[in-house]
Amino acid sequence: MYQSFVFLEIRVLIVSDEKAFCCCKTGTSAECCPICMRMDGMPPVLKKRAAQDAYRLA
């Protein structure tokens, strides 16, 4: 017997002066930190504050 699963995806736009995955400010050049430059071995890490704001708004 088959089971069906339904998933809900919610996208939230948070107006902030910081990026969600690095320490750079928004509006700066994309080559200011290893995460923005997409260097090998530098995985993006979601900031705790951004996750809390998104959860609160959703």
PDB file of N, CA and C in Angstrom:
ATOM      1  N   MET A   1       0.836  -1.178   0.000  1.00  0.00           N
ATOM      2  CA  MET A   1       0.000   0.000   0.000  1.00  0.00           C
ATOM      3  C   MET A   1       0.884   1.246   0.000  1.00  0.00           C
ATOM      4  N   TYR A   2       0.460   2.276  -0.688  1.00  0.00           N
ATOM      5  CA  TYR A   2       1.225   3.512  -0.801  1.00  0.00           C
ATOM      6  C   TYR A   2       0.750   4.533   0.218  1.00  0.00           C
ATOM      7  N   GLN A   3       1.692   5.341   0.697  1.00  0.00           N
ATOM      8  CA  GLN A   3       1.368   6.446   1.586  1.00  0.00           C
ATOM      9  C   GLN A   3       1.701   7.737   0.877  1.00  0.00           C
ATOM     10  N   SER A   4       0.899   8.744   1.062  1.00  0.00           N
ATOM     11  CA  SER A   4       1.199  10.048   0.474  1.00  0.00           C
ATOM     12  C   SER A   4       1.630  11.005   1.581  1.00  0.00           C
ATOM     13  N   PHE A   5       2.552  11.866   1.235  1.00  0.00           N
ATOM     14  CA  PHE A   5       3.050  12.864   2.160  1.00  0.00           C
ATOM     15  C   PHE A   5       2.840  14.232   1.537  1.00  0.00           C
ATOM     16  N   VAL A   6       2.432  15.189   2.337  1.00  0.00           N
ATOM     17  CA  VAL A   6       2.239  16.563   1.879  1.00  0.00           C
ATOM     18  C   VAL A   6       3.179  17.440   2.689  1.00  0.00           C
ATOM     19  N   PHE A   7       3.990  18.234   1.997  1.00  0.00           N
ATOM     20  CA  PHE A   7       4.926  19.132   2.647  1.00  0.00           C
ATOM     21  C   PHE A   7       4.544  20.571   2.323  1.00  0.00           C
ATOM     22  N   LEU A   8       4.783  21.454   3.258  1.00  0.00           N
ATOM     23  CA  LEU A   8       4.499  22.867   3.080  1.00  0.00           C
ATOM     24  C   LEU A   8       5.816  23.636   3.171  1.00  0.00           C
ATOM     25  N   GLU A   9       6.114  24.390   2.137  1.00  0.00           N
ATOM     26  CA  GLU A   9       7.331  25.201   2.130  1.00  0.00           C
ATOM     27  C   GLU A   9       6.934  26.653   2.327  1.00  0.00           C
ATOM     28  N   ILE A  10       7.551  27.295   3.304  1.00  0.00           N
ATOM     29  CA  ILE A  10       7.264  28.699   3.600  1.00  0.00           C
ATOM     30  C   ILE A  10       8.547  29.487   3.389  1.00  0.00           C
ATOM     31  N   ARG A  11       8.448  30.540   2.614  1.00  0.00           N
ATOM     32  CA  ARG A  11       9.605  31.416   2.389  1.00  0.00           C
ATOM     33  C   ARG A  11       9.333  32.751   3.062  1.00  0.00           C
ATOM     34  N   VAL A  12      10.323  33.247   3.796  1.00  0.00           N
ATOM     35  CA  VAL A  12      10.177  34.474   4.549  1.00  0.00           C
ATOM     36  C   VAL A  12      11.297  35.418   4.140  1.00  0.00           C
ATOM     37  N   LEU A  13      10.946  36.660   3.828  1.00  0.00           N
ATOM     38  CA  LEU A  13      11.939  37.685   3.515  1.00  0.00           C
ATOM     39  C   LEU A  13      12.115  38.551   4.744  1.00  0.00           C
ATOM     40  N   ILE A  14      13.299  38.521   5.309  1.00  0.00           N
ATOM     41  CA  ILE A  14      13.592  39.307   6.503  1.00  0.00           C
ATOM     42  C   ILE A  14      14.383  40.540   6.080  1.00  0.00           C
ATOM     43  N   VAL A  15      13.868  41.706   6.408  1.00  0.00           N
ATOM     44  CA  VAL A  15      14.558  42.953   6.087  1.00  0.00           C
ATOM     45  C   VAL A  15      15.583  43.196   7.193  1.00  0.00           C
ATOM     46  N   SER A  16      16.848  43.164   6.804  1.00  0.00           N
ATOM     47  CA  SER A  16      17.931  43.289   7.769  1.00  0.00           C
ATOM     48  C   SER A  16      19.132  43.925   7.086  1.00  0.00           C
ATOM     49  N   ASP A  17      20.064  44.416   7.878  1.00  0.00           N
ATOM     50  CA  ASP A  17      21.284  44.989   7.296  1.00  0.00           C
ATOM     51  C   ASP A  17      22.425  43.973   7.270  1.00  0.00           C
ATOM     52  N   GLU A  18      22.170  42.739   7.710  1.00  0.00           N
ATOM     53  CA  GLU A  18      23.175  41.687   7.682  1.00  0.00           C
ATOM     54  C   GLU A  18      22.696  40.520   6.837  1.00  0.00           C
ATOM     55  N   LYS A  19      23.642  39.786   6.282  1.00  0.00           N
ATOM     56  CA  LYS A  19      23.310  38.578   5.534  1.00  0.00           C
ATOM     57  C   LYS A  19      23.028  37.446   6.515  1.00  0.00           C
ATOM     58  N   ALA A  20      22.264  36.452   6.084  1.00  0.00           N
ATOM     59  CA  ALA A  20      21.847  35.379   6.978  1.00  0.00           C
ATOM     60  C   ALA A  20      22.927  34.328   7.199  1.00  0.00           C
ATOM     61  N   PHE A  21      23.898  34.213   6.284  1.00  0.00           N
ATOM     62  CA  PHE A  21      24.869  33.124   6.373  1.00  0.00           C
ATOM     63  C   PHE A  21      26.302  33.569   6.612  1.00  0.00           C
ATOM     64  N   CYS A  22      26.574  34.858   6.733  1.00  0.00           N
ATOM     65  CA  CYS A  22      27.940  35.314   6.997  1.00  0.00           C
ATOM     66  C   CYS A  22      27.907  36.643   7.749  1.00  0.00           C
ATOM     67  N   CYS A  23      29.058  37.196   8.035  1.00  0.00           N
ATOM     68  CA  CYS A  23      29.137  38.416   8.838  1.00  0.00           C
ATOM     69  C   CYS A  23      29.118  39.691   8.000  1.00  0.00           C
ATOM     70  N   CYS A  24      28.984  39.572   6.680  1.00  0.00           N
ATOM     71  CA  CYS A  24      29.002  40.742   5.809  1.00  0.00           C
ATOM     72  C   CYS A  24      27.698  41.521   5.908  1.00  0.00           C
ATOM     73  N   LYS A  25      27.788  42.804   5.666  1.00  0.00           N
ATOM     74  CA  LYS A  25      26.594  43.645   5.596  1.00  0.00           C
ATOM     75  C   LYS A  25      25.997  43.532   4.205  1.00  0.00           C
ATOM     76  N   THR A  26      24.702  43.727   4.087  1.00  0.00           N
ATOM     77  CA  THR A  26      24.063  43.695   2.776  1.00  0.00           C
ATOM     78  C   THR A  26      24.465  44.938   2.002  1.00  0.00           C
ATOM     79  N   GLY A  27      24.538  44.811   0.711  1.00  0.00           N
ATOM     80  CA  GLY A  27      24.914  45.930  -0.131  1.00  0.00           C
ATOM     81  C   GLY A  27      26.411  46.051  -0.365  1.00  0.00           C
ATOM     82  N   THR A  28      27.222  45.249   0.337  1.00  0.00           N
ATOM     83  CA  THR A  28      28.663  45.283   0.108  1.00  0.00           C
ATOM     84  C   THR A  28      29.005  44.367  -1.057  1.00  0.00           C
ATOM     85  N   SER A  29      30.233  44.436  -1.499  1.00  0.00           N
ATOM     86  CA  SER A  29      30.635  43.581  -2.610  1.00  0.00           C
ATOM     87  C   SER A  29      30.589  42.122  -2.193  1.00  0.00           C
ATOM     88  N   ALA A  30      30.399  41.241  -3.152  1.00  0.00           N
ATOM     89  CA  ALA A  30      30.242  39.822  -2.862  1.00  0.00           C
ATOM     90  C   ALA A  30      31.567  39.144  -2.534  1.00  0.00           C
ATOM     91  N   GLU A  31      32.659  39.851  -2.606  1.00  0.00           N
ATOM     92  CA  GLU A  31      33.963  39.237  -2.363  1.00  0.00           C
ATOM     93  C   GLU A  31      34.599  39.803  -1.099  1.00  0.00           C
ATOM     94  N   CYS A  32      33.883  39.729   0.005  1.00  0.00           N
ATOM     95  CA  CYS A  32      34.411  40.318   1.229  1.00  0.00           C
ATOM     96  C   CYS A  32      34.735  39.287   2.307  1.00  0.00           C
ATOM     97  N   CYS A  33      34.239  38.050   2.172  1.00  0.00           N
ATOM     98  CA  CYS A  33      34.561  37.020   3.158  1.00  0.00           C
ATOM     99  C   CYS A  33      34.628  35.664   2.445  1.00  0.00           C
ATOM    100  N   PRO A  34      35.211  34.660   3.081  1.00  0.00           N
ATOM    101  CA  PRO A  34      35.347  33.344   2.432  1.00  0.00           C
ATOM    102  C   PRO A  34      34.008  32.710   2.059  1.00  0.00           C
ATOM    103  N   ILE A  35      32.968  32.959   2.834  1.00  0.00           N
ATOM    104  CA  ILE A  35      31.661  32.384   2.516  1.00  0.00           C
ATOM    105  C   ILE A  35      31.080  33.039   1.275  1.00  0.00           C
ATOM    106  N   CYS A  36      31.182  34.365   1.176  1.00  0.00           N
ATOM    107  CA  CYS A  36      30.667  35.074  -0.001  1.00  0.00           C
ATOM    108  C   CYS A  36      31.450  34.713  -1.261  1.00  0.00           C
ATOM    109  N   MET A  37      32.749  34.448  -1.101  1.00  0.00           N
ATOM    110  CA  MET A  37      33.575  34.081  -2.253  1.00  0.00           C
ATOM    111  C   MET A  37      33.435  32.611  -2.613  1.00  0.00           C
ATOM    112  N   ARG A  38      32.664  31.854  -1.817  1.00  0.00           N
ATOM    113  CA  ARG A  38      32.408  30.426  -2.049  1.00  0.00           C
ATOM    114  C   ARG A  38      33.703  29.619  -2.107  1.00  0.00           C
ATOM    115  N   MET A  39      34.574  29.858  -1.136  1.00  0.00           N
ATOM    116  CA  MET A  39      35.826  29.121  -1.073  1.00  0.00           C
ATOM    117  C   MET A  39      35.553  27.688  -0.612  1.00  0.00           C
ATOM    118  N   ASP A  40      36.375  26.762  -1.081  1.00  0.00           N
ATOM    119  CA  ASP A  40      36.232  25.360  -0.692  1.00  0.00           C
ATOM    120  C   ASP A  40      36.449  25.210   0.813  1.00  0.00           C
ATOM    121  N   GLY A  41      35.627  24.384   1.424  1.00  0.00           N
ATOM    122  CA  GLY A  41      35.772  24.119   2.848  1.00  0.00           C
ATOM    123  C   GLY A  41      35.109  25.137   3.751  1.00  0.00           C
ATOM    124  N   MET A  42      34.423  26.115   3.185  1.00  0.00           N
ATOM    125  CA  MET A  42      33.745  27.138   3.990  1.00  0.00           C
ATOM    126  C   MET A  42      32.238  27.014   3.793  1.00  0.00           C
ATOM    127  N   PRO A  43      31.589  26.101   4.499  1.00  0.00           N
ATOM    128  CA  PRO A  43      30.141  25.945   4.324  1.00  0.00           C
ATOM    129  C   PRO A  43      29.394  27.106   4.979  1.00  0.00           C
ATOM    130  N   PRO A  44      28.317  27.561   4.353  1.00  0.00           N
ATOM    131  CA  PRO A  44      27.523  28.613   4.984  1.00  0.00           C
ATOM    132  C   PRO A  44      26.809  28.075   6.213  1.00  0.00           C
ATOM    133  N   VAL A  45      26.780  28.860   7.270  1.00  0.00           N
ATOM    134  CA  VAL A  45      26.128  28.470   8.513  1.00  0.00           C
ATOM    135  C   VAL A  45      25.065  29.517   8.824  1.00  0.00           C
ATOM    136  N   LEU A  46      23.848  29.069   8.996  1.00  0.00           N
ATOM    137  CA  LEU A  46      22.748  29.978   9.268  1.00  0.00           C
ATOM    138  C   LEU A  46      22.916  30.602  10.644  1.00  0.00           C
ATOM    139  N   LYS A  47      22.762  31.924  10.714  1.00  0.00           N
ATOM    140  CA  LYS A  47      22.861  32.614  11.995  1.00  0.00           C
ATOM    141  C   LYS A  47      21.640  32.296  12.847  1.00  0.00           C
ATOM    142  N   LYS A  48      21.866  32.159  14.126  1.00  0.00           N
ATOM    143  CA  LYS A  48      20.784  31.819  15.051  1.00  0.00           C
ATOM    144  C   LYS A  48      19.709  32.900  15.045  1.00  0.00           C
ATOM    145  N   ARG A  49      20.110  34.151  14.989  1.00  0.00           N
ATOM    146  CA  ARG A  49      19.147  35.267  15.009  1.00  0.00           C
ATOM    147  C   ARG A  49      18.258  35.251  13.767  1.00  0.00           C
ATOM    148  N   ALA A  50      18.825  34.947  12.611  1.00  0.00           N
ATOM    149  CA  ALA A  50      18.038  34.887  11.376  1.00  0.00           C
ATOM    150  C   ALA A  50      17.015  33.762  11.454  1.00  0.00           C
ATOM    151  N   ALA A  51      17.397  32.630  12.001  1.00  0.00           N
ATOM    152  CA  ALA A  51      16.475  31.507  12.146  1.00  0.00           C
ATOM    153  C   ALA A  51      15.356  31.852  13.128  1.00  0.00           C
ATOM    154  N   GLN A  52      15.679  32.522  14.194  1.00  0.00           N
ATOM    155  CA  GLN A  52      14.668  32.920  15.172  1.00  0.00           C
ATOM    156  C   GLN A  52      13.681  33.918  14.567  1.00  0.00           C
ATOM    157  N   ASP A  53      14.185  34.898  13.810  1.00  0.00           N
ATOM    158  CA  ASP A  53      13.309  35.888  13.176  1.00  0.00           C
ATOM    159  C   ASP A  53      12.389  35.235  12.164  1.00  0.00           C
ATOM    160  N   ALA A  54      12.916  34.321  11.362  1.00  0.00           N
ATOM    161  CA  ALA A  54      12.098  33.630  10.368  1.00  0.00           C
ATOM    162  C   ALA A  54      11.028  32.784  11.034  1.00  0.00           C
ATOM    163  N   TYR A  55      11.381  32.114  12.118  1.00  0.00           N
ATOM    164  CA  TYR A  55      10.411  31.276  12.834  1.00  0.00           C
ATOM    165  C   TYR A  55       9.305  32.139  13.441  1.00  0.00           C
ATOM    166  N   ARG A  56       9.695  33.273  13.968  1.00  0.00           N
ATOM    167  CA  ARG A  56       8.725  34.164  14.596  1.00  0.00           C
ATOM    168  C   ARG A  56       7.755  34.755  13.569  1.00  0.00           C
ATOM    169  N   LEU A  57       8.245  35.028  12.359  1.00  0.00           N
ATOM    170  CA  LEU A  57       7.392  35.609  11.320  1.00  0.00           C
ATOM    171  C   LEU A  57       6.503  34.576  10.644  1.00  0.00           C
ATOM    172  N   ALA A  58       6.946  33.320  10.610  1.00  0.00           N
ATOM    173  CA  ALA A  58       6.189  32.286   9.885  1.00  0.00           C
ATOM    174  C   ALA A  58       5.010  31.777  10.641  1.00  0.00           C
TER     175      ALA A  58
END
